[in-house]
PDB file of N, CA and C in Angstrom:
ATOM      1  N   MET A   1      89.916  98.355 129.495  1.00  0.00           N
ATOM      2  CA  MET A   1      90.047  97.846 128.086  1.00  0.00           C
ATOM      3  C   MET A   1      91.681  97.598 127.494  1.00  0.00           C
ATOM      4  N   PRO A   2      92.281  96.294 126.861  1.00  0.00           N
ATOM      5  CA  PRO A   2      93.326  96.549 126.330  1.00  0.00           C
ATOM      6  C   PRO A   2      92.985  97.275 124.932  1.00  0.00           C
ATOM      7  N   LYS A   3      94.465  97.745 124.749  1.00  0.00           N
ATOM      8  CA  LYS A   3      94.781  98.113 123.678  1.00  0.00           C
ATOM      9  C   LYS A   3      94.923  97.177 122.415  1.00  0.00           C
ATOM     10  N   GLY A   4      94.565  97.992 121.103  1.00  0.00           N
ATOM     11  CA  GLY A   4      94.727  96.670 119.838  1.00  0.00           C
ATOM     12  C   GLY A   4      95.855  97.137 119.460  1.00  0.00           C
ATOM     13  N   TYR A   5      96.514  96.407 118.685  1.00  0.00           N
ATOM     14  CA  TYR A   5      97.801  96.570 118.079  1.00  0.00           C
ATOM     15  C   TYR A   5      97.718  95.665 116.399  1.00  0.00           C
ATOM     16  N   TRP A   6      98.382  96.495 115.409  1.00  0.00           N
ATOM     17  CA  TRP A   6      98.894  95.886 114.041  1.00  0.00           C
ATOM     18  C   TRP A   6     100.228  95.208 114.335  1.00  0.00           C
ATOM     19  N   ILE A   7     100.699  94.153 113.914  1.00  0.00           N
ATOM     20  CA  ILE A   7     102.495  93.853 113.981  1.00  0.00           C
ATOM     21  C   ILE A   7     102.523  93.837 112.348  1.00  0.00           C
ATOM     22  N   GLY A   8     102.968  94.402 112.050  1.00  0.00           N
ATOM     23  CA  GLY A   8     103.182  94.252 110.187  1.00  0.00           C
ATOM     24  C   GLY A   8     105.021  93.647 109.949  1.00  0.00           C
ATOM     25  N   ARG A   9     105.510  92.891 109.225  1.00  0.00           N
ATOM     26  CA  ARG A   9     106.324  92.657 108.479  1.00  0.00           C
ATOM     27  C   ARG A   9     106.335  92.705 107.200  1.00  0.00           C
ATOM     28  N   VAL A  10     107.273  93.458 106.616  1.00  0.00           N
ATOM     29  CA  VAL A  10     107.392  94.100 105.387  1.00  0.00           C
ATOM     30  C   VAL A  10     108.418  93.785 104.274  1.00  0.00           C
ATOM     31  N   GLU A  11     108.543  93.371 102.948  1.00  0.00           N
ATOM     32  CA  GLU A  11     109.398  93.235 102.338  1.00  0.00           C
ATOM     33  C   GLU A  11     109.183  94.434 101.341  1.00  0.00           C
ATOM     34  N   VAL A  12     109.739  95.162 100.858  1.00  0.00           N
ATOM     35  CA  VAL A  12     109.505  96.478  99.952  1.00  0.00           C
ATOM     36  C   VAL A  12     110.360  95.754  98.579  1.00  0.00           C
ATOM     37  N   HIS A  13     110.059  95.877  97.347  1.00  0.00           N
ATOM     38  CA  HIS A  13     110.878  95.700  96.304  1.00  0.00           C
ATOM     39  C   HIS A  13     110.680  96.791  95.143  1.00  0.00           C
ATOM     40  N   ASN A  14     109.710  97.744  95.410  1.00  0.00           N
ATOM     41  CA  ASN A  14     110.037  99.130  95.017  1.00  0.00           C
ATOM     42  C   ASN A  14     109.675 100.246  95.703  1.00  0.00           C
ATOM     43  N   GLU A  15     110.708 100.712  96.121  1.00  0.00           N
ATOM     44  CA  GLU A  15     110.555 102.138  97.205  1.00  0.00           C
ATOM     45  C   GLU A  15     109.804 103.060  96.572  1.00  0.00           C
ATOM     46  N   GLU A  16     110.200 103.656  95.361  1.00  0.00           N
ATOM     47  CA  GLU A  16     109.124 104.400  94.748  1.00  0.00           C
ATOM     48  C   GLU A  16     107.853 104.446  94.502  1.00  0.00           C
ATOM     49  N   GLY A  17     107.393 102.719  94.295  1.00  0.00           N
ATOM     50  CA  GLY A  17     106.233 102.896  94.105  1.00  0.00           C
ATOM     51  C   GLY A  17     105.719 102.673  95.634  1.00  0.00           C
ATOM     52  N   TYR A  18     106.305 102.379  96.340  1.00  0.00           N
ATOM     53  CA  TYR A  18     105.734 101.753  98.318  1.00  0.00           C
ATOM     54  C   TYR A  18     105.060 103.368  98.858  1.00  0.00           C
ATOM     55  N   LYS A  19     106.228 104.284  98.550  1.00  0.00           N
ATOM     56  CA  LYS A  19     106.027 105.965  99.054  1.00  0.00           C
ATOM     57  C   LYS A  19     104.621 106.541  99.015  1.00  0.00           C
ATOM     58  N   PRO A  20     103.574 106.354  97.853  1.00  0.00           N
ATOM     59  CA  PRO A  20     102.416 106.807  98.210  1.00  0.00           C
ATOM     60  C   PRO A  20     101.649 105.922  99.142  1.00  0.00           C
ATOM     61  N   TYR A  21     101.711 104.805  99.611  1.00  0.00           N
ATOM     62  CA  TYR A  21     101.059 103.927 100.734  1.00  0.00           C
ATOM     63  C   TYR A  21     101.595 104.449 101.685  1.00  0.00           C
ATOM     64  N   ALA A  22     102.666 104.507 101.966  1.00  0.00           N
ATOM     65  CA  ALA A  22     103.332 105.139 103.230  1.00  0.00           C
ATOM     66  C   ALA A  22     102.749 106.519 103.534  1.00  0.00           C
ATOM     67  N   VAL A  23     102.658 107.329 102.509  1.00  0.00           N
ATOM     68  CA  VAL A  23     102.147 108.657 102.852  1.00  0.00           C
ATOM     69  C   VAL A  23     100.343 108.530 103.046  1.00  0.00           C
ATOM     70  N   ALA A  24     100.078 107.793 102.375  1.00  0.00           N
ATOM     71  CA  ALA A  24      98.753 107.870 102.807  1.00  0.00           C
ATOM     72  C   ALA A  24      98.192 107.382 104.147  1.00  0.00           C
ATOM     73  N   ASN A  25      99.289 106.297 104.462  1.00  0.00           N
ATOM     74  CA  ASN A  25      98.931 105.627 105.808  1.00  0.00           C
ATOM     75  C   ASN A  25      98.703 106.770 107.524  1.00  0.00           C
ATOM     76  N   ALA A  26      99.455 108.045 106.997  1.00  0.00           N
ATOM     77  CA  ALA A  26      99.242 108.848 108.238  1.00  0.00           C
ATOM     78  C   ALA A  26      97.766 109.561 108.540  1.00  0.00           C
ATOM     79  N   GLY A  27      97.210 109.770 107.378  1.00  0.00           N
ATOM     80  CA  GLY A  27      96.053 110.206 107.384  1.00  0.00           C
ATOM     81  C   GLY A  27      94.802 109.025 107.870  1.00  0.00           C
ATOM     82  N   ILE A  28      94.958 108.059 107.464  1.00  0.00           N
ATOM     83  CA  ILE A  28      94.148 106.918 107.793  1.00  0.00           C
ATOM     84  C   ILE A  28      94.685 106.602 109.193  1.00  0.00           C
ATOM     85  N   PHE A  29      95.335 106.293 109.897  1.00  0.00           N
ATOM     86  CA  PHE A  29      95.746 105.877 111.166  1.00  0.00           C
ATOM     87  C   PHE A  29      95.449 107.211 112.163  1.00  0.00           C
ATOM     88  N   LYS A  30      95.616 108.345 111.554  1.00  0.00           N
ATOM     89  CA  LYS A  30      95.243 109.702 112.576  1.00  0.00           C
ATOM     90  C   LYS A  30      94.010 109.108 112.565  1.00  0.00           C
ATOM     91  N   LYS A  31      92.975 108.984 111.464  1.00  0.00           N
ATOM     92  CA  LYS A  31      91.795 109.124 111.928  1.00  0.00           C
ATOM     93  C   LYS A  31      90.945 108.146 112.882  1.00  0.00           C
ATOM     94  N   PHE A  32      91.747 106.794 112.910  1.00  0.00           N
ATOM     95  CA  PHE A  32      91.613 105.732 113.865  1.00  0.00           C
ATOM     96  C   PHE A  32      92.140 106.025 115.201  1.00  0.00           C
ATOM     97  N   SER A  33      93.072 106.840 115.486  1.00  0.00           N
ATOM     98  CA  SER A  33      93.878 106.971 116.703  1.00  0.00           C
ATOM     99  C   SER A  33      95.102 106.185 116.981  1.00  0.00           C
ATOM    100  N   GLY A  34      95.489 105.441 115.614  1.00  0.00           N
ATOM    101  CA  GLY A  34      96.871 104.854 115.485  1.00  0.00           C
ATOM    102  C   GLY A  34      97.958 105.643 115.852  1.00  0.00           C
ATOM    103  N   ARG A  35      99.161 104.821 116.531  1.00  0.00           N
ATOM    104  CA  ARG A  35     100.420 105.271 116.398  1.00  0.00           C
ATOM    105  C   ARG A  35     101.309 104.196 116.580  1.00  0.00           C
ATOM    106  N   PHE A  36     102.497 104.585 115.887  1.00  0.00           N
ATOM    107  CA  PHE A  36     103.684 103.727 115.908  1.00  0.00           C
ATOM    108  C   PHE A  36     104.361 103.554 117.311  1.00  0.00           C
ATOM    109  N   VAL A  37     104.557 102.493 117.404  1.00  0.00           N
ATOM    110  CA  VAL A  37     105.740 102.202 118.816  1.00  0.00           C
ATOM    111  C   VAL A  37     106.595 101.580 117.980  1.00  0.00           C
ATOM    112  N   VAL A  38     106.628 101.003 116.975  1.00  0.00           N
ATOM    113  CA  VAL A  38     107.840 100.344 115.982  1.00  0.00           C
ATOM    114  C   VAL A  38     107.447 100.724 114.834  1.00  0.00           C
ATOM    115  N   ARG A  39     108.738 101.332 114.315  1.00  0.00           N
ATOM    116  CA  ARG A  39     108.247 101.710 112.569  1.00  0.00           C
ATOM    117  C   ARG A  39     110.292 101.643 112.370  1.00  0.00           C
ATOM    118  N   GLY A  40     110.229 100.273 111.571  1.00  0.00           N
ATOM    119  CA  GLY A  40     111.664  99.972 111.386  1.00  0.00           C
ATOM    120  C   GLY A  40     112.435  99.967 112.695  1.00  0.00           C
ATOM    121  N   GLY A  41     113.942 100.374 112.621  1.00  0.00           N
ATOM    122  CA  GLY A  41     114.887  99.849 113.600  1.00  0.00           C
ATOM    123  C   GLY A  41     115.483  98.910 113.395  1.00  0.00           C
ATOM    124  N   LYS A  42     116.210  98.848 114.244  1.00  0.00           N
ATOM    125  CA  LYS A  42     117.605  97.844 114.282  1.00  0.00           C
ATOM    126  C   LYS A  42     116.742  96.650 115.036  1.00  0.00           C
ATOM    127  N   PHE A  43     117.301  95.182 114.459  1.00  0.00           N
ATOM    128  CA  PHE A  43     116.459  94.361 115.202  1.00  0.00           C
ATOM    129  C   PHE A  43     117.013  92.900 114.565  1.00  0.00           C
ATOM    130  N   GLU A  44     116.874  91.831 115.597  1.00  0.00           N
ATOM    131  CA  GLU A  44     117.415  90.607 115.496  1.00  0.00           C
ATOM    132  C   GLU A  44     116.481  89.722 115.023  1.00  0.00           C
ATOM    133  N   ASN A  45     117.071  88.567 114.545  1.00  0.00           N
ATOM    134  CA  ASN A  45     115.623  87.502 114.141  1.00  0.00           C
ATOM    135  C   ASN A  45     116.036  86.348 114.694  1.00  0.00           C
ATOM    136  N   PRO A  46     116.576  85.987 115.699  1.00  0.00           N
ATOM    137  CA  PRO A  46     116.893  84.755 116.240  1.00  0.00           C
ATOM    138  C   PRO A  46     115.977  83.437 116.006  1.00  0.00           C
ATOM    139  N   GLU A  47     114.627  83.631 115.606  1.00  0.00           N
ATOM    140  CA  GLU A  47     113.869  82.601 115.196  1.00  0.00           C
ATOM    141  C   GLU A  47     112.810  83.142 114.143  1.00  0.00           C
ATOM    142  N   GLY A  48     112.956  81.858 113.701  1.00  0.00           N
ATOM    143  CA  GLY A  48     111.789  82.007 112.160  1.00  0.00           C
ATOM    144  C   GLY A  48     112.583  82.913 110.846  1.00  0.00           C
ATOM    145  N   THR A  49     111.493  83.066 109.930  1.00  0.00           N
ATOM    146  CA  THR A  49     111.938  84.148 109.010  1.00  0.00           C
ATOM    147  C   THR A  49     111.605  85.718 109.168  1.00  0.00           C
ATOM    148  N   ALA A  50     112.230  86.190 108.306  1.00  0.00           N
ATOM    149  CA  ALA A  50     112.418  87.912 108.824  1.00  0.00           C
ATOM    150  C   ALA A  50     111.978  88.502 107.605  1.00  0.00           C
ATOM    151  N   ARG A  51     111.339  89.947 107.547  1.00  0.00           N
ATOM    152  CA  ARG A  51     111.273  90.855 106.269  1.00  0.00           C
ATOM    153  C   ARG A  51     112.340  91.788 107.301  1.00  0.00           C
ATOM    154  N   LYS A  52     112.233  92.601 106.292  1.00  0.00           N
ATOM    155  CA  LYS A  52     113.251  93.770 106.448  1.00  0.00           C
ATOM    156  C   LYS A  52     112.747  94.885 107.251  1.00  0.00           C
ATOM    157  N   ARG A  53     111.474  95.050 106.972  1.00  0.00           N
ATOM    158  CA  ARG A  53     110.685  96.123 107.934  1.00  0.00           C
ATOM    159  C   ARG A  53     109.824  95.890 108.898  1.00  0.00           C
ATOM    160  N   ASN A  54     109.934  96.226 110.122  1.00  0.00           N
ATOM    161  CA  ASN A  54     109.054  95.601 110.915  1.00  0.00           C
ATOM    162  C   ASN A  54     107.900  96.694 111.934  1.00  0.00           C
ATOM    163  N   VAL A  55     106.645  96.677 111.686  1.00  0.00           N
ATOM    164  CA  VAL A  55     105.892  97.732 112.270  1.00  0.00           C
ATOM    165  C   VAL A  55     105.040  97.046 113.223  1.00  0.00           C
ATOM    166  N   VAL A  56     104.681  98.212 114.386  1.00  0.00           N
ATOM    167  CA  VAL A  56     103.864  97.918 115.527  1.00  0.00           C
ATOM    168  C   VAL A  56     103.409  99.356 115.666  1.00  0.00           C
ATOM    169  N   ILE A  57     101.655  99.160 115.229  1.00  0.00           N
ATOM    170  CA  ILE A  57     100.894 100.341 115.312  1.00  0.00           C
ATOM    171  C   ILE A  57      99.742 100.088 116.725  1.00  0.00           C
ATOM    172  N   GLU A  58      99.845 101.087 117.618  1.00  0.00           N
ATOM    173  CA  GLU A  58      98.692 100.909 118.187  1.00  0.00           C
ATOM    174  C   GLU A  58      97.355 102.039 118.498  1.00  0.00           C
ATOM    175  N   PHE A  59      96.244 101.195 118.598  1.00  0.00           N
ATOM    176  CA  PHE A  59      95.107 101.620 118.696  1.00  0.00           C
ATOM    177  C   PHE A  59      94.490 101.658 119.927  1.00  0.00           C
ATOM    178  N   PRO A  60      93.355 102.456 120.198  1.00  0.00           N
ATOM    179  CA  PRO A  60      92.722 102.381 121.651  1.00  0.00           C
ATOM    180  C   PRO A  60      92.373 101.230 122.042  1.00  0.00           C
ATOM    181  N   ASP A  61      91.984 100.603 120.693  1.00  0.00           N
ATOM    182  CA  ASP A  61      91.492  99.007 121.444  1.00  0.00           C
ATOM    183  C   ASP A  61      91.180  98.098 120.045  1.00  0.00           C
ATOM    184  N   TYR A  62      91.127  96.739 120.604  1.00  0.00           N
ATOM    185  CA  TYR A  62      91.439  95.608 119.497  1.00  0.00           C
ATOM    186  C   TYR A  62      90.041  96.175 118.288  1.00  0.00           C
ATOM    187  N   ASP A  63      88.851  96.343 118.470  1.00  0.00           N
ATOM    188  CA  ASP A  63      87.827  96.702 117.479  1.00  0.00           C
ATOM    189  C   ASP A  63      88.318  98.270 116.743  1.00  0.00           C
ATOM    190  N   THR A  64      88.624  98.818 117.433  1.00  0.00           N
ATOM    191  CA  THR A  64      89.362  99.964 116.564  1.00  0.00           C
ATOM    192  C   THR A  64      90.673  99.522 115.514  1.00  0.00           C
ATOM    193  N   ALA A  65      91.270  98.877 115.924  1.00  0.00           N
ATOM    194  CA  ALA A  65      92.462  98.153 115.391  1.00  0.00           C
ATOM    195  C   ALA A  65      91.710  97.684 113.928  1.00  0.00           C
ATOM    196  N   LEU A  66      90.824  96.811 113.898  1.00  0.00           N
ATOM    197  CA  LEU A  66      90.004  95.950 112.910  1.00  0.00           C
ATOM    198  C   LEU A  66      89.722  96.797 111.998  1.00  0.00           C
ATOM    199  N   ALA A  67      88.583  98.006 112.910  1.00  0.00           N
ATOM    200  CA  ALA A  67      88.325  98.921 112.200  1.00  0.00           C
ATOM    201  C   ALA A  67      88.920  99.780 111.129  1.00  0.00           C
ATOM    202  N   CYS A  68      89.956 100.110 111.607  1.00  0.00           N
ATOM    203  CA  CYS A  68      91.109 100.975 110.614  1.00  0.00           C
ATOM    204  C   CYS A  68      91.580  99.891 109.365  1.00  0.00           C
ATOM    205  N   TYR A  69      91.810  98.984 109.600  1.00  0.00           N
ATOM    206  CA  TYR A  69      92.184  97.633 108.921  1.00  0.00           C
ATOM    207  C   TYR A  69      90.895  97.479 107.381  1.00  0.00           C
ATOM    208  N   ARG A  70      89.811  97.358 107.844  1.00  0.00           N
ATOM    209  CA  ARG A  70      88.774  97.261 107.164  1.00  0.00           C
ATOM    210  C   ARG A  70      88.292  98.318 106.488  1.00  0.00           C
ATOM    211  N   SER A  71      88.578  99.665 107.121  1.00  0.00           N
ATOM    212  CA  SER A  71      88.278 100.629 106.208  1.00  0.00           C
ATOM    213  C   SER A  71      88.458 100.813 104.922  1.00  0.00           C
ATOM    214  N   PRO A  72      87.453 101.574 104.107  1.00  0.00           N
ATOM    215  CA  PRO A  72      87.731 101.920 102.787  1.00  0.00           C
ATOM    216  C   PRO A  72      88.943 102.463 102.537  1.00  0.00           C
ATOM    217  N   GLU A  73      89.297 103.076 102.993  1.00  0.00           N
ATOM    218  CA  GLU A  73      90.602 104.117 102.907  1.00  0.00           C
ATOM    219  C   GLU A  73      91.600 103.167 103.106  1.00  0.00           C
ATOM    220  N   TYR A  74      92.025 101.974 104.102  1.00  0.00           N
ATOM    221  CA  TYR A  74      93.066 101.359 104.020  1.00  0.00           C
ATOM    222  C   TYR A  74      93.073 100.225 103.023  1.00  0.00           C
ATOM    223  N   GLN A  75      91.589  99.808 102.400  1.00  0.00           N
ATOM    224  CA  GLN A  75      91.539  98.762 101.864  1.00  0.00           C
ATOM    225  C   GLN A  75      92.054  99.405 100.376  1.00  0.00           C
ATOM    226  N   ALA A  76      91.457 100.552 100.027  1.00  0.00           N
ATOM    227  CA  ALA A  76      91.940 101.005  98.879  1.00  0.00           C
ATOM    228  C   ALA A  76      93.640 101.320  98.737  1.00  0.00           C
ATOM    229  N   ASN A  77      94.385 101.313 100.384  1.00  0.00           N
ATOM    230  CA  ASN A  77      95.681 101.850 100.122  1.00  0.00           C
ATOM    231  C   ASN A  77      96.492 100.209  99.931  1.00  0.00           C
ATOM    232  N   ILE A  78      95.948  99.449 100.319  1.00  0.00           N
ATOM    233  CA  ILE A  78      96.310  97.783 100.135  1.00  0.00           C
ATOM    234  C   ILE A  78      96.968  97.795  98.695  1.00  0.00           C
ATOM    235  N   LYS A  79      96.030  98.161  97.853  1.00  0.00           N
ATOM    236  CA  LYS A  79      96.181  97.863  96.800  1.00  0.00           C
ATOM    237  C   LYS A  79      97.212  98.845  95.857  1.00  0.00           C
ATOM    238  N   VAL A  80      97.710  99.944  96.531  1.00  0.00           N
ATOM    239  CA  VAL A  80      98.542 100.689  96.138  1.00  0.00           C
ATOM    240  C   VAL A  80      99.897 100.097  96.444  1.00  0.00           C
ATOM    241  N   ARG A  81     100.145  99.203  98.104  1.00  0.00           N
ATOM    242  CA  ARG A  81     101.092  98.645  98.562  1.00  0.00           C
ATOM    243  C   ARG A  81     101.468  97.207  97.859  1.00  0.00           C
ATOM    244  N   GLN A  82     100.531  96.553  97.368  1.00  0.00           N
ATOM    245  CA  GLN A  82     100.666  95.084  96.987  1.00  0.00           C
ATOM    246  C   GLN A  82     101.409  95.053  95.728  1.00  0.00           C
ATOM    247  N   PRO A  83     101.605  95.979  94.576  1.00  0.00           N
ATOM    248  CA  PRO A  83     102.563  95.590  93.748  1.00  0.00           C
ATOM    249  C   PRO A  83     103.892  95.965  93.642  1.00  0.00           C
ATOM    250  N   HIS A  84     103.985  96.554  95.149  1.00  0.00           N
ATOM    251  CA  HIS A  84     105.407  96.801  95.196  1.00  0.00           C
ATOM    252  C   HIS A  84     106.373  96.134  96.428  1.00  0.00           C
ATOM    253  N   SER A  85     105.081  95.338  97.204  1.00  0.00           N
ATOM    254  CA  SER A  85     106.002  94.865  98.644  1.00  0.00           C
ATOM    255  C   SER A  85     105.053  93.383  98.835  1.00  0.00           C
ATOM    256  N   VAL A  86     105.385  92.789  99.616  1.00  0.00           N
ATOM    257  CA  VAL A  86     104.732  91.659 100.682  1.00  0.00           C
ATOM    258  C   VAL A  86     104.780  91.968 102.011  1.00  0.00           C
ATOM    259  N   ALA A  87     103.674  91.693 102.411  1.00  0.00           N
ATOM    260  CA  ALA A  87     103.336  92.012 103.516  1.00  0.00           C
ATOM    261  C   ALA A  87     102.859  90.890 104.640  1.00  0.00           C
ATOM    262  N   ASP A  88     103.189  90.910 105.856  1.00  0.00           N
ATOM    263  CA  ASP A  88     102.072  89.810 106.896  1.00  0.00           C
ATOM    264  C   ASP A  88     101.921  90.955 107.999  1.00  0.00           C
ATOM    265  N   ILE A  89     100.801  90.785 107.848  1.00  0.00           N
ATOM    266  CA  ILE A  89     100.033  91.643 109.103  1.00  0.00           C
ATOM    267  C   ILE A  89      98.906  90.915 110.083  1.00  0.00           C
ATOM    268  N   VAL A  90      99.297  91.429 111.347  1.00  0.00           N
ATOM    269  CA  VAL A  90      98.658  90.414 112.527  1.00  0.00           C
ATOM    270  C   VAL A  90      97.890  91.608 113.228  1.00  0.00           C
ATOM    271  N   ILE A  91      96.753  91.677 113.569  1.00  0.00           N
ATOM    272  CA  ILE A  91      96.086  92.523 114.274  1.00  0.00           C
ATOM    273  C   ILE A  91      95.608  91.499 115.334  1.00  0.00           C
ATOM    274  N   ILE A  92      96.041  92.356 116.507  1.00  0.00           N
ATOM    275  CA  ILE A  92      96.205  91.641 118.053  1.00  0.00           C
ATOM    276  C   ILE A  92      95.620  92.042 118.929  1.00  0.00           C
ATOM    277  N   GLU A  93      95.127  91.832 120.198  1.00  0.00           N
ATOM    278  CA  GLU A  93      94.508  92.723 121.371  1.00  0.00           C
ATOM    279  C   GLU A  93      95.633  92.354 122.132  1.00  0.00           C
ATOM    280  N   GLY A  94      96.056  93.555 122.785  1.00  0.00           N
ATOM    281  CA  GLY A  94      97.111  93.595 123.846  1.00  0.00           C
ATOM    282  C   GLY A  94      96.442  93.376 125.142  1.00  0.00           C
ATOM    283  N   TYR A  95      97.659  92.796 125.987  1.00  0.00           N
ATOM    284  CA  TYR A  95      97.134  92.136 127.392  1.00  0.00           C
ATOM    285  C   TYR A  95      97.340  92.969 128.349  1.00  0.00           C
ATOM    286  N   ASP A  96      96.570  93.200 129.323  1.00  0.00           N
ATOM    287  CA  ASP A  96      96.064  94.252 130.450  1.00  0.00           C
ATOM    288  C   ASP A  96      96.290  93.609 131.749  1.00  0.00           C
ATOM    289  N   GLY A  97      96.539  92.247 131.714  1.00  0.00           N
ATOM    290  CA  GLY A  97      96.459  91.810 132.899  1.00  0.00           C
ATOM    291  C   GLY A  97      98.017  91.392 133.897  1.00  0.00           C
ATOM    292  N   PRO A  98      97.783  91.132 134.946  1.00  0.00           N
ATOM    293  CA  PRO A  98      98.882  90.853 136.029  1.00  0.00           C
ATOM    294  C   PRO A  98     100.229  90.853 135.460  1.00  0.00           C
ATOM    295  N   GLN A  99     101.036  91.145 135.646  1.00  0.00           N
ATOM    296  CA  GLN A  99     102.738  91.145 134.911  1.00  0.00           C
ATOM    297  C   GLN A  99     103.670  90.149 135.984  1.00  0.00           C
ATOM    298  N   PRO A 100     104.298  89.683 135.689  1.00  0.00           N
ATOM    299  CA  PRO A 100     105.497  88.636 136.550  1.00  0.00           C
ATOM    300  C   PRO A 100     106.107  89.822 137.341  1.00  0.00           C
TER     301      PRO A 100
END
């Protein structure tokens, strides 16, 4: 079964206000066996628009990735994040098929 992923692009405009959101995420992601594959780092954006922060979180499967996002814990944490940032989040199923 393919893994599930969150792809997040975030623009933070209040670092201090954003910190409680980031801290609370550790327990939420652990509960759903999520792990960071990408968390910031150097990047180039050769096409489209960029945000300053990029994150990819891997989950055991797509359903678990959705369950984490829809969980009461994360939904409450979104309210902590929203006044301090703008985010684009995509939840996507990984690819487990043949490779070139």
